[in-house]
Amino acid sequence: MEVRSRQSGEEWKTRTDRIMKAVTGHPWFLEADALYCYVDFKGEVGTRGMIERAWELEKKVYVPAVSGHNMEFYRIFSFEELKEGAFGIPEPVVSEGWEKGDISPEEKALMIMPGVAFDRGRNRIGYGGGYYDRYLASCPGCCGHIIAAAFECQIVGKIETEETDIKPELLITERRML
């Protein structure tokens, strides 16, 4: 995270824009009916442009909210519906009546997955809570496609994995797709 946070604001924006264009131009994004996406925090690849593009294309947008050891996705219609939540990450202010994301094999869904570091095999180090691994393990194969968005500086040597780790199908940086 330290290397990622050393980017200037201009570098972050330029790199984020390249990644956003690659993600929003990818067939998986274009074909998706729903986007399950993290809201960027502390120098992560920016996702607000991806979310805005999904709204423009009239896709459903779901973002995560953490409660204890669990994470659920909730549909949002604007960024005003977010507040500082678990770990300071922007998340929906969940109340009764909120539409909970329920990824099913019938839905053409795309998930954008965050991470601290990745290797060339798309193995990932998350933030240590296992939220995405548990969420995806609860419905094996239900998410249409999974893309991780990361800066090139987040690509490291070999990452040791555990049996419960779920990796993205595609990793997009400002320079390449793995």
Protein backbone atom coordinates (compact mmCIF):
# COMPACT_ATOMS: atom_id res chain seq x y z
CA MET A 1 0.00 0.00 0.00
CA GLU A 2 2.94 2.29 0.69
CA VAL A 3 4.15 2.28 -2.94
CA ARG A 4 0.60 2.88 -4.15
CA SER A 5 0.15 5.81 -1.76
CA ARG A 6 3.34 7.51 -2.98
CA GLN A 7 1.77 8.33 -6.33
CA SER A 8 1.02 11.98 -6.93
CA GLY A 9 -2.61 12.93 -7.44
CA GLU A 10 -1.94 13.44 -11.14
CA GLU A 11 -0.25 10.02 -11.49
CA TRP A 12 -3.15 8.36 -9.66
CA LYS A 13 -5.70 10.03 -11.94
CA THR A 14 -3.82 9.22 -15.16
CA ARG A 15 -3.34 5.58 -14.18
CA THR A 16 -6.89 5.23 -12.88
CA ASP A 17 -8.25 6.67 -16.14
CA ARG A 18 -6.28 4.12 -18.19
CA ILE A 19 -7.56 1.26 -16.05
CA MET A 20 -11.12 2.60 -16.12
CA LYS A 21 -11.08 2.79 -19.93
CA ALA A 22 -9.78 -0.77 -20.17
CA VAL A 23 -12.42 -2.08 -17.75
CA THR A 24 -15.38 -0.16 -19.21
CA GLY A 25 -14.37 -1.11 -22.75
CA HIS A 26 -14.01 -4.81 -21.94
CA PRO A 27 -16.76 -7.13 -23.28
CA TRP A 28 -17.47 -8.44 -19.76
CA PHE A 29 -18.33 -4.91 -18.62
CA LEU A 30 -20.34 -4.09 -21.72
CA GLU A 31 -22.35 -7.34 -21.54
CA ALA A 32 -23.02 -7.17 -17.78
CA ASP A 33 -26.46 -6.31 -16.44
CA ALA A 34 -25.05 -5.62 -12.99
CA LEU A 35 -21.77 -4.30 -11.62
CA TYR A 36 -20.59 -5.43 -8.17
CA CYS A 37 -17.83 -2.99 -7.37
CA TYR A 38 -15.79 -1.73 -4.44
CA VAL A 39 -15.69 2.02 -3.78
CA ASP A 40 -12.08 3.18 -3.91
CA PHE A 41 -10.33 4.14 -0.70
CA LYS A 42 -6.82 5.27 0.31
CA GLY A 43 -5.17 5.35 -3.10
CA GLU A 44 -6.83 2.26 -4.60
CA VAL A 45 -7.59 2.30 -8.31
CA GLY A 46 -10.49 4.70 -8.67
CA THR A 47 -13.83 3.03 -9.33
CA ARG A 48 -16.18 6.00 -9.41
CA GLY A 49 -15.76 6.40 -13.18
CA MET A 50 -16.59 2.72 -13.68
CA ILE A 51 -19.68 3.09 -11.50
CA GLU A 52 -20.78 6.25 -13.33
CA ARG A 53 -20.33 4.52 -16.70
CA ALA A 54 -22.42 1.58 -15.48
CA TRP A 55 -25.21 3.99 -14.49
CA GLU A 56 -24.99 5.69 -17.89
CA LEU A 57 -25.49 2.27 -19.51
CA GLU A 58 -28.43 1.62 -17.15
CA LYS A 59 -26.72 -1.25 -15.34
CA LYS A 60 -27.52 -2.06 -11.74
CA VAL A 61 -24.67 -1.07 -9.41
CA TYR A 62 -24.00 -2.82 -6.11
CA VAL A 63 -21.31 -1.86 -3.61
CA PRO A 64 -20.22 -3.70 -0.46
CA ALA A 65 -21.09 -3.02 3.15
CA VAL A 66 -19.37 -4.87 5.98
CA SER A 67 -21.08 -6.06 9.12
CA GLY A 68 -18.89 -8.03 11.51
CA HIS A 69 -17.18 -10.77 9.50
CA ASN A 70 -19.63 -10.60 6.63
CA MET A 71 -19.88 -8.49 3.52
CA GLU A 72 -23.01 -7.97 1.45
CA PHE A 73 -23.57 -5.88 -1.66
CA TYR A 74 -26.35 -3.28 -1.88
CA ARG A 75 -27.68 -1.41 -4.88
CA ILE A 76 -26.90 2.28 -5.04
CA PHE A 77 -28.20 4.98 -7.36
CA SER A 78 -25.82 7.80 -6.34
CA PHE A 79 -22.65 8.42 -4.37
CA GLU A 80 -24.70 10.45 -1.87
CA GLU A 81 -25.97 7.14 -0.51
CA LEU A 82 -22.51 6.32 0.87
CA LYS A 83 -21.00 7.09 4.26
CA GLU A 84 -17.80 6.14 6.01
CA GLY A 85 -18.23 2.56 7.13
CA ALA A 86 -16.07 -0.30 8.33
CA PHE A 87 -12.37 0.56 8.24
CA GLY A 88 -13.25 4.06 6.94
CA ILE A 89 -14.31 2.67 3.54
CA PRO A 90 -17.29 4.37 1.86
CA GLU A 91 -20.30 2.05 1.95
CA PRO A 92 -24.09 2.32 1.69
CA VAL A 93 -26.08 3.46 4.67
CA VAL A 94 -28.09 0.25 4.84
CA SER A 95 -31.62 0.38 6.17
CA GLU A 96 -34.77 -1.63 5.68
CA GLY A 97 -35.89 -1.72 2.09
CA TRP A 98 -32.43 -1.56 0.52
CA GLU A 99 -32.01 -3.84 -2.48
CA LYS A 100 -29.44 -6.44 -1.55
CA GLY A 101 -27.30 -7.87 -4.31
CA ASP A 102 -27.99 -11.51 -4.86
CA ILE A 103 -25.72 -12.70 -7.62
CA SER A 104 -27.24 -15.61 -9.46
CA PRO A 105 -26.01 -17.62 -12.44
CA GLU A 106 -28.85 -16.12 -14.52
CA GLU A 107 -27.66 -12.55 -13.95
CA LYS A 108 -24.89 -11.25 -16.16
CA ALA A 109 -22.79 -9.84 -13.35
CA LEU A 110 -19.29 -8.41 -13.28
CA MET A 111 -17.40 -7.99 -10.03
CA ILE A 112 -14.51 -5.55 -9.69
CA MET A 113 -12.27 -6.88 -6.93
CA PRO A 114 -9.74 -4.83 -4.93
CA GLY A 115 -6.46 -6.01 -3.50
CA VAL A 116 -3.22 -4.88 -1.91
CA ALA A 117 -0.95 -6.93 -4.17
CA PHE A 118 -1.18 -9.40 -7.04
CA ASP A 119 1.23 -11.68 -8.84
CA ARG A 120 1.34 -12.50 -12.55
CA GLY A 121 -0.83 -15.56 -11.89
CA ARG A 122 -3.55 -13.23 -10.56
CA ASN A 123 -3.13 -14.50 -7.01
CA ARG A 124 -4.01 -11.74 -4.61
CA ILE A 125 -3.35 -10.41 -1.17
CA GLY A 126 -6.43 -8.65 0.13
CA TYR A 127 -6.72 -6.63 3.28
CA GLY A 128 -6.67 -9.66 5.55
CA GLY A 129 -10.36 -10.01 6.36
CA GLY A 130 -11.22 -12.61 3.73
CA TYR A 131 -14.46 -10.78 2.88
CA TYR A 132 -14.35 -11.30 -0.88
CA ASP A 133 -13.21 -14.92 -0.55
CA ARG A 134 -16.08 -15.72 1.84
CA TYR A 135 -18.63 -13.84 -0.25
CA LEU A 136 -17.64 -15.59 -3.48
CA ALA A 137 -17.32 -18.99 -1.77
CA SER A 138 -20.91 -18.66 -0.56
CA CYS A 139 -22.14 -18.91 -4.16
CA PRO A 140 -19.53 -20.78 -6.24
CA GLY A 141 -19.71 -19.86 -9.90
CA CYS A 142 -22.54 -17.39 -9.38
CA CYS A 143 -20.62 -14.28 -10.34
CA GLY A 144 -20.44 -14.02 -14.11
CA HIS A 145 -16.91 -12.62 -14.25
CA ILE A 146 -14.37 -11.17 -11.83
CA ILE A 147 -11.84 -8.49 -12.75
CA ALA A 148 -9.27 -7.08 -10.36
CA ALA A 149 -8.18 -3.49 -10.89
CA ALA A 150 -4.66 -2.67 -9.72
CA PHE A 151 -1.76 -0.38 -10.43
CA GLU A 152 1.33 -1.88 -12.01
CA CYS A 153 3.24 -1.09 -8.80
CA GLN A 154 0.99 -3.60 -7.00
CA ILE A 155 2.31 -6.52 -9.08
CA VAL A 156 4.81 -8.50 -7.02
CA GLY A 157 6.65 -11.82 -7.24
CA LYS A 158 4.92 -15.08 -6.32
CA ILE A 159 2.14 -14.83 -3.74
CA GLU A 160 1.56 -17.83 -1.52
CA THR A 161 -2.08 -18.82 -1.54
CA GLU A 162 -4.44 -20.77 0.64
CA GLU A 163 -7.12 -23.19 -0.47
CA THR A 164 -9.83 -20.64 0.35
CA ASP A 165 -8.33 -17.84 -1.77
CA ILE A 166 -10.38 -16.87 -4.83
CA LYS A 167 -8.54 -15.08 -7.58
CA PRO A 168 -9.94 -12.89 -10.34
CA GLU A 169 -10.24 -14.18 -13.88
CA LEU A 170 -8.55 -11.06 -15.20
CA LEU A 171 -6.22 -8.46 -13.72
CA ILE A 172 -6.15 -5.04 -15.36
CA THR A 173 -3.40 -2.50 -14.69
CA GLU A 174 -2.62 0.76 -16.45
CA ARG A 175 -0.20 -1.15 -18.70
CA ARG A 176 -1.64 -4.62 -19.33
CA MET A 177 -4.17 -7.35 -18.76
CA LEU A 178 -3.14 -10.57 -17.06
